[in-house]
PDB file of N, CA and C in Angstrom:
ATOM      1  N   MET A   1      51.806 216.380  54.760  1.00  0.00           N
ATOM      2  CA  MET A   1      51.917 216.214  53.213  1.00  0.00           C
ATOM      3  C   MET A   1      50.508 216.234  52.659  1.00  0.00           C
ATOM      4  N   ARG A   2      49.778 215.081  53.004  1.00  0.00           N
ATOM      5  CA  ARG A   2      48.500 214.663  52.316  1.00  0.00           C
ATOM      6  C   ARG A   2      47.431 216.226  52.512  1.00  0.00           C
ATOM      7  N   GLU A   3      47.516 216.959  53.345  1.00  0.00           N
ATOM      8  CA  GLU A   3      46.710 217.886  53.565  1.00  0.00           C
ATOM      9  C   GLU A   3      46.994 219.177  52.750  1.00  0.00           C
ATOM     10  N   ARG A   4      48.301 219.429  52.504  1.00  0.00           N
ATOM     11  CA  ARG A   4      48.786 220.038  51.797  1.00  0.00           C
ATOM     12  C   ARG A   4      48.742 219.503  49.829  1.00  0.00           C
ATOM     13  N   LEU A   5      48.226 218.421  50.020  1.00  0.00           N
ATOM     14  CA  LEU A   5      47.888 217.615  48.494  1.00  0.00           C
ATOM     15  C   LEU A   5      46.396 218.116  48.252  1.00  0.00           C
ATOM     16  N   GLY A   6      45.430 218.524  49.279  1.00  0.00           N
ATOM     17  CA  GLY A   6      44.397 218.206  49.271  1.00  0.00           C
ATOM     18  C   GLY A   6      43.424 216.993  49.990  1.00  0.00           C
ATOM     19  N   ASP A   7      44.108 216.476  51.046  1.00  0.00           N
ATOM     20  CA  ASP A   7      43.414 215.357  51.458  1.00  0.00           C
ATOM     21  C   ASP A   7      43.403 214.388  50.916  1.00  0.00           C
ATOM     22  N   ILE A   8      43.915 213.583  49.948  1.00  0.00           N
ATOM     23  CA  ILE A   8      44.033 212.773  49.322  1.00  0.00           C
ATOM     24  C   ILE A   8      44.249 211.807  50.111  1.00  0.00           C
ATOM     25  N   ASP A   9      43.159 210.325  49.263  1.00  0.00           N
ATOM     26  CA  ASP A   9      43.804 208.675  49.914  1.00  0.00           C
ATOM     27  C   ASP A   9      44.825 208.246  49.293  1.00  0.00           C
ATOM     28  N   PRO A  10      45.487 207.914  50.090  1.00  0.00           N
ATOM     29  CA  PRO A  10      46.931 206.889  49.693  1.00  0.00           C
ATOM     30  C   PRO A  10      46.657 205.693  49.129  1.00  0.00           C
ATOM     31  N   ALA A  11      47.576 205.520  48.074  1.00  0.00           N
ATOM     32  CA  ALA A  11      47.023 203.909  47.572  1.00  0.00           C
ATOM     33  C   ALA A  11      47.511 202.974  48.360  1.00  0.00           C
ATOM     34  N   THR A  12      47.096 202.255  48.771  1.00  0.00           N
ATOM     35  CA  THR A  12      48.028 200.960  49.728  1.00  0.00           C
ATOM     36  C   THR A  12      47.626 199.863  49.432  1.00  0.00           C
ATOM     37  N   ASP A  13      46.864 199.741  48.261  1.00  0.00           N
ATOM     38  CA  ASP A  13      46.551 197.998  48.018  1.00  0.00           C
ATOM     39  C   ASP A  13      47.895 197.715  46.831  1.00  0.00           C
ATOM     40  N   ALA A  14      48.348 196.875  46.776  1.00  0.00           N
ATOM     41  CA  ALA A  14      49.497 196.302  45.733  1.00  0.00           C
ATOM     42  C   ALA A  14      49.313 196.748  44.513  1.00  0.00           C
ATOM     43  N   LYS A  15      47.871 196.106  44.355  1.00  0.00           N
ATOM     44  CA  LYS A  15      47.782 195.866  42.669  1.00  0.00           C
ATOM     45  C   LYS A  15      47.319 197.568  41.925  1.00  0.00           C
ATOM     46  N   LYS A  16      46.998 198.633  43.007  1.00  0.00           N
ATOM     47  CA  LYS A  16      46.806 199.778  42.800  1.00  0.00           C
ATOM     48  C   LYS A  16      47.945 200.695  42.745  1.00  0.00           C
ATOM     49  N   ARG A  17      48.617 200.473  43.353  1.00  0.00           N
ATOM     50  CA  ARG A  17      50.131 201.089  43.735  1.00  0.00           C
ATOM     51  C   ARG A  17      50.929 200.605  42.205  1.00  0.00           C
ATOM     52  N   ARG A  18      51.071 199.503  41.593  1.00  0.00           N
ATOM     53  CA  ARG A  18      51.520 199.137  40.885  1.00  0.00           C
ATOM     54  C   ARG A  18      51.002 200.026  39.539  1.00  0.00           C
ATOM     55  N   GLU A  19      49.866 199.940  39.319  1.00  0.00           N
ATOM     56  CA  GLU A  19      49.091 200.341  38.414  1.00  0.00           C
ATOM     57  C   GLU A  19      49.462 202.081  38.053  1.00  0.00           C
ATOM     58  N   LEU A  20      49.386 202.906  39.456  1.00  0.00           N
ATOM     59  CA  LEU A  20      49.826 204.077  39.345  1.00  0.00           C
ATOM     60  C   LEU A  20      51.599 204.324  39.003  1.00  0.00           C
ATOM     61  N   GLN A  21      52.304 203.307  39.304  1.00  0.00           N
ATOM     62  CA  GLN A  21      53.814 203.379  39.357  1.00  0.00           C
ATOM     63  C   GLN A  21      53.637 203.048  37.769  1.00  0.00           C
ATOM     64  N   ALA A  22      53.207 202.443  37.229  1.00  0.00           N
ATOM     65  CA  ALA A  22      53.262 202.308  35.527  1.00  0.00           C
ATOM     66  C   ALA A  22      52.776 203.375  34.975  1.00  0.00           C
ATOM     67  N   GLU A  23      51.893 204.159  35.329  1.00  0.00           N
ATOM     68  CA  GLU A  23      51.440 205.422  35.300  1.00  0.00           C
ATOM     69  C   GLU A  23      52.330 206.592  35.343  1.00  0.00           C
ATOM     70  N   ILE A  24      52.968 206.539  35.852  1.00  0.00           N
ATOM     71  CA  ILE A  24      53.968 207.607  36.448  1.00  0.00           C
ATOM     72  C   ILE A  24      55.552 207.280  35.253  1.00  0.00           C
ATOM     73  N   ASP A  25      55.765 206.247  35.261  1.00  0.00           N
ATOM     74  CA  ASP A  25      56.901 205.419  34.345  1.00  0.00           C
ATOM     75  C   ASP A  25      56.385 205.594  32.925  1.00  0.00           C
ATOM     76  N   ALA A  26      54.630 205.754  32.652  1.00  0.00           N
ATOM     77  CA  ALA A  26      54.646 205.748  31.046  1.00  0.00           C
ATOM     78  C   ALA A  26      54.578 207.338  30.617  1.00  0.00           C
ATOM     79  N   ALA A  27      54.313 208.550  31.909  1.00  0.00           N
ATOM     80  CA  ALA A  27      54.066 209.683  31.775  1.00  0.00           C
ATOM     81  C   ALA A  27      55.624 210.052  31.477  1.00  0.00           C
ATOM     82  N   ALA A  28      56.313 209.488  31.990  1.00  0.00           N
ATOM     83  CA  ALA A  28      58.117 209.923  32.123  1.00  0.00           C
ATOM     84  C   ALA A  28      58.664 209.673  30.757  1.00  0.00           C
ATOM     85  N   PHE A  29      58.191 208.835  30.361  1.00  0.00           N
ATOM     86  CA  PHE A  29      58.639 208.275  28.963  1.00  0.00           C
ATOM     87  C   PHE A  29      58.004 209.393  28.197  1.00  0.00           C
ATOM     88  N   HIS A  30      56.798 209.746  28.318  1.00  0.00           N
ATOM     89  CA  HIS A  30      56.019 211.173  27.322  1.00  0.00           C
ATOM     90  C   HIS A  30      57.234 212.355  27.254  1.00  0.00           C
ATOM     91  N   ALA A  31      57.409 212.586  28.682  1.00  0.00           N
ATOM     92  CA  ALA A  31      58.087 213.565  29.103  1.00  0.00           C
ATOM     93  C   ALA A  31      59.153 213.618  28.583  1.00  0.00           C
ATOM     94  N   TYR A  32      60.060 212.738  28.292  1.00  0.00           N
ATOM     95  CA  TYR A  32      61.458 212.790  27.926  1.00  0.00           C
ATOM     96  C   TYR A  32      61.079 212.751  26.381  1.00  0.00           C
ATOM     97  N   GLY A  33      59.752 212.667  25.925  1.00  0.00           N
ATOM     98  CA  GLY A  33      59.766 212.664  24.111  1.00  0.00           C
ATOM     99  C   GLY A  33      60.160 211.178  23.648  1.00  0.00           C
ATOM    100  N   MET A  34      60.111 210.259  24.157  1.00  0.00           N
ATOM    101  CA  MET A  34      60.652 208.977  23.691  1.00  0.00           C
ATOM    102  C   MET A  34      59.172 208.304  22.928  1.00  0.00           C
ATOM    103  N   ASN A  35      59.811 208.428  21.749  1.00  0.00           N
ATOM    104  CA  ASN A  35      58.351 208.070  20.819  1.00  0.00           C
ATOM    105  C   ASN A  35      58.037 205.993  21.192  1.00  0.00           C
ATOM    106  N   GLU A  36      57.330 205.573  20.548  1.00  0.00           N
ATOM    107  CA  GLU A  36      56.634 204.109  20.905  1.00  0.00           C
ATOM    108  C   GLU A  36      57.884 203.062  20.312  1.00  0.00           C
ATOM    109  N   LYS A  37      58.683 203.304  19.557  1.00  0.00           N
ATOM    110  CA  LYS A  37      59.571 202.670  19.314  1.00  0.00           C
ATOM    111  C   LYS A  37      60.927 202.478  20.656  1.00  0.00           C
ATOM    112  N   GLU A  38      61.507 203.856  20.721  1.00  0.00           N
ATOM    113  CA  GLU A  38      62.107 203.423  21.924  1.00  0.00           C
ATOM    114  C   GLU A  38      61.705 203.148  22.931  1.00  0.00           C
ATOM    115  N   THR A  39      60.511 203.606  23.253  1.00  0.00           N
ATOM    116  CA  THR A  39      59.971 203.087  24.787  1.00  0.00           C
ATOM    117  C   THR A  39      59.766 201.725  24.895  1.00  0.00           C
ATOM    118  N   GLU A  40      59.443 200.962  24.108  1.00  0.00           N
ATOM    119  CA  GLU A  40      59.406 199.601  24.055  1.00  0.00           C
ATOM    120  C   GLU A  40      60.808 198.845  23.561  1.00  0.00           C
ATOM    121  N   PHE A  41      61.715 199.227  23.348  1.00  0.00           N
ATOM    122  CA  PHE A  41      63.327 199.052  23.120  1.00  0.00           C
ATOM    123  C   PHE A  41      63.594 198.968  24.739  1.00  0.00           C
ATOM    124  N   ILE A  42      63.328 200.528  25.405  1.00  0.00           N
ATOM    125  CA  ILE A  42      64.014 200.111  26.825  1.00  0.00           C
ATOM    126  C   ILE A  42      63.644 199.421  27.414  1.00  0.00           C
ATOM    127  N   LEU A  43      61.895 199.030  27.417  1.00  0.00           N
ATOM    128  CA  LEU A  43      61.512 198.492  28.349  1.00  0.00           C
ATOM    129  C   LEU A  43      61.660 196.665  28.234  1.00  0.00           C
ATOM    130  N   ASN A  44      62.395 196.371  27.003  1.00  0.00           N
ATOM    131  CA  ASN A  44      62.127 195.153  26.531  1.00  0.00           C
ATOM    132  C   ASN A  44      64.127 195.186  26.595  1.00  0.00           C
ATOM    133  N   ASP A  45      65.170 196.127  27.008  1.00  0.00           N
ATOM    134  CA  ASP A  45      66.337 195.741  27.268  1.00  0.00           C
ATOM    135  C   ASP A  45      66.416 196.123  28.751  1.00  0.00           C
ATOM    136  N   PHE A  46      65.557 197.053  29.472  1.00  0.00           N
ATOM    137  CA  PHE A  46      65.941 196.751  31.114  1.00  0.00           C
ATOM    138  C   PHE A  46      66.159 196.196  32.266  1.00  0.00           C
ATOM    139  N   TYR A  47      66.965 195.874  32.745  1.00  0.00           N
ATOM    140  CA  TYR A  47      66.907 195.116  33.993  1.00  0.00           C
ATOM    141  C   TYR A  47      65.841 194.798  34.607  1.00  0.00           C
ATOM    142  N   GLN A  48      66.083 193.668  34.939  1.00  0.00           N
ATOM    143  CA  GLN A  48      64.690 193.370  35.568  1.00  0.00           C
ATOM    144  C   GLN A  48      64.877 192.830  37.363  1.00  0.00           C
ATOM    145  N   VAL A  49      64.413 193.345  38.129  1.00  0.00           N
ATOM    146  CA  VAL A  49      64.652 193.032  39.507  1.00  0.00           C
ATOM    147  C   VAL A  49      63.572 191.956  39.826  1.00  0.00           C
ATOM    148  N   ASP A  50      64.778 191.084  40.685  1.00  0.00           N
ATOM    149  CA  ASP A  50      64.098 189.565  41.158  1.00  0.00           C
ATOM    150  C   ASP A  50      63.794 189.574  42.329  1.00  0.00           C
ATOM    151  N   ASP A  51      63.981 190.574  43.001  1.00  0.00           N
ATOM    152  CA  ASP A  51      63.896 190.582  44.599  1.00  0.00           C
ATOM    153  C   ASP A  51      63.989 192.328  45.187  1.00  0.00           C
ATOM    154  N   PRO A  52      62.330 192.706  45.081  1.00  0.00           N
ATOM    155  CA  PRO A  52      61.121 192.324  45.079  1.00  0.00           C
ATOM    156  C   PRO A  52      60.803 191.760  43.829  1.00  0.00           C
ATOM    157  N   LYS A  53      60.181 191.036  43.163  1.00  0.00           N
ATOM    158  CA  LYS A  53      59.369 191.088  41.691  1.00  0.00           C
ATOM    159  C   LYS A  53      58.754 192.148  41.370  1.00  0.00           C
ATOM    160  N   LEU A  54      59.277 193.295  41.426  1.00  0.00           N
ATOM    161  CA  LEU A  54      58.079 194.468  40.790  1.00  0.00           C
ATOM    162  C   LEU A  54      58.436 194.802  39.458  1.00  0.00           C
ATOM    163  N   MET A  55      59.825 194.541  39.060  1.00  0.00           N
ATOM    164  CA  MET A  55      59.390 195.095  37.514  1.00  0.00           C
ATOM    165  C   MET A  55      60.219 193.889  36.524  1.00  0.00           C
ATOM    166  N   ASP A  56      59.047 193.483  36.546  1.00  0.00           N
ATOM    167  CA  ASP A  56      59.012 191.831  35.981  1.00  0.00           C
ATOM    168  C   ASP A  56      58.017 192.185  34.341  1.00  0.00           C
ATOM    169  N   ASP A  57      57.986 191.130  33.497  1.00  0.00           N
ATOM    170  CA  ASP A  57      57.372 191.036  32.320  1.00  0.00           C
ATOM    171  C   ASP A  57      55.862 192.157  32.138  1.00  0.00           C
ATOM    172  N   ALA A  58      55.340 191.390  33.284  1.00  0.00           N
ATOM    173  CA  ALA A  58      53.655 192.323  33.212  1.00  0.00           C
ATOM    174  C   ALA A  58      53.870 193.552  33.556  1.00  0.00           C
ATOM    175  N   TYR A  59      55.059 193.821  34.700  1.00  0.00           N
ATOM    176  CA  TYR A  59      55.106 195.396  34.937  1.00  0.00           C
ATOM    177  C   TYR A  59      55.261 195.990  33.426  1.00  0.00           C
ATOM    178  N   PHE A  60      55.980 195.571  32.937  1.00  0.00           N
ATOM    179  CA  PHE A  60      56.925 196.172  31.774  1.00  0.00           C
ATOM    180  C   PHE A  60      55.780 196.534  30.539  1.00  0.00           C
ATOM    181  N   ASP A  61      54.874 195.246  30.664  1.00  0.00           N
ATOM    182  CA  ASP A  61      53.661 195.138  29.581  1.00  0.00           C
ATOM    183  C   ASP A  61      53.023 196.233  30.198  1.00  0.00           C
ATOM    184  N   LEU A  62      52.553 196.704  31.594  1.00  0.00           N
ATOM    185  CA  LEU A  62      51.601 197.361  31.840  1.00  0.00           C
ATOM    186  C   LEU A  62      52.126 199.302  31.753  1.00  0.00           C
ATOM    187  N   VAL A  63      53.381 199.264  31.602  1.00  0.00           N
ATOM    188  CA  VAL A  63      54.144 200.511  31.278  1.00  0.00           C
ATOM    189  C   VAL A  63      53.743 200.802  30.054  1.00  0.00           C
ATOM    190  N   PHE A  64      53.757 199.818  29.202  1.00  0.00           N
ATOM    191  CA  PHE A  64      53.780 199.835  27.716  1.00  0.00           C
ATOM    192  C   PHE A  64      52.169 200.408  27.309  1.00  0.00           C
ATOM    193  N   GLU A  65      51.526 199.560  28.011  1.00  0.00           N
ATOM    194  CA  GLU A  65      50.096 200.094  27.830  1.00  0.00           C
ATOM    195  C   GLU A  65      49.762 201.111  28.300  1.00  0.00           C
ATOM    196  N   LYS A  66      49.946 201.619  29.516  1.00  0.00           N
ATOM    197  CA  LYS A  66      49.810 203.235  30.171  1.00  0.00           C
ATOM    198  C   LYS A  66      50.283 204.320  28.918  1.00  0.00           C
ATOM    199  N   TYR A  67      51.659 203.751  28.369  1.00  0.00           N
ATOM    200  CA  TYR A  67      52.186 204.869  27.404  1.00  0.00           C
ATOM    201  C   TYR A  67      51.324 205.083  26.121  1.00  0.00           C
ATOM    202  N   THR A  68      50.847 203.456  25.985  1.00  0.00           N
ATOM    203  CA  THR A  68      49.925 203.716  24.237  1.00  0.00           C
ATOM    204  C   THR A  68      48.967 204.715  24.824  1.00  0.00           C
ATOM    205  N   ALA A  69      48.425 204.436  25.952  1.00  0.00           N
ATOM    206  CA  ALA A  69      47.497 204.439  26.056  1.00  0.00           C
ATOM    207  C   ALA A  69      47.568 206.497  26.253  1.00  0.00           C
ATOM    208  N   LEU A  70      48.408 207.015  27.179  1.00  0.00           N
ATOM    209  CA  LEU A  70      48.833 208.391  27.124  1.00  0.00           C
ATOM    210  C   LEU A  70      48.970 208.676  25.294  1.00  0.00           C
ATOM    211  N   ASP A  71      49.469 208.168  24.881  1.00  0.00           N
ATOM    212  CA  ASP A  71      49.612 209.033  23.434  1.00  0.00           C
ATOM    213  C   ASP A  71      48.974 208.819  23.103  1.00  0.00           C
ATOM    214  N   GLU A  72      47.593 207.903  22.706  1.00  0.00           N
ATOM    215  CA  GLU A  72      46.406 207.965  21.995  1.00  0.00           C
ATOM    216  C   GLU A  72      44.887 208.972  22.331  1.00  0.00           C
ATOM    217  N   GLU A  73      45.226 209.168  24.394  1.00  0.00           N
ATOM    218  CA  GLU A  73      44.176 209.744  24.586  1.00  0.00           C
ATOM    219  C   GLU A  73      44.734 211.567  25.537  1.00  0.00           C
ATOM    220  N   GLY A  74      46.005 211.435  25.313  1.00  0.00           N
ATOM    221  CA  GLY A  74      46.759 212.112  25.997  1.00  0.00           C
ATOM    222  C   GLY A  74      46.710 212.135  27.588  1.00  0.00           C
ATOM    223  N   PRO A  75      47.293 213.017  28.279  1.00  0.00           N
ATOM    224  CA  PRO A  75      46.853 213.292  29.746  1.00  0.00           C
ATOM    225  C   PRO A  75      45.990 213.417  30.266  1.00  0.00           C
ATOM    226  N   TYR A  76      45.733 212.735  31.510  1.00  0.00           N
ATOM    227  CA  TYR A  76      44.296 212.887  32.430  1.00  0.00           C
ATOM    228  C   TYR A  76      43.941 214.269  32.850  1.00  0.00           C
ATOM    229  N   PRO A  77      43.200 214.467  33.152  1.00  0.00           N
ATOM    230  CA  PRO A  77      43.009 216.154  33.632  1.00  0.00           C
ATOM    231  C   PRO A  77      43.128 216.202  35.184  1.00  0.00           C
TER     232      PRO A  77
END
């Protein structure tokens, strides 16, 4: 699969993977046409997973930060 995608390097660092996942989640909010208020509502209302503690307040804040960046800057090339 990696060869078909241009021999990309996988993200193995947990912090980098979390950031990339937040970017994907933020892009999904944009793809579904959610505005800032709707995105914030969903992130504040979403059930947080306790184990493993991946989807916590800090993660939702990161998703919202990525959402705002996409809103202001547009998608990355």
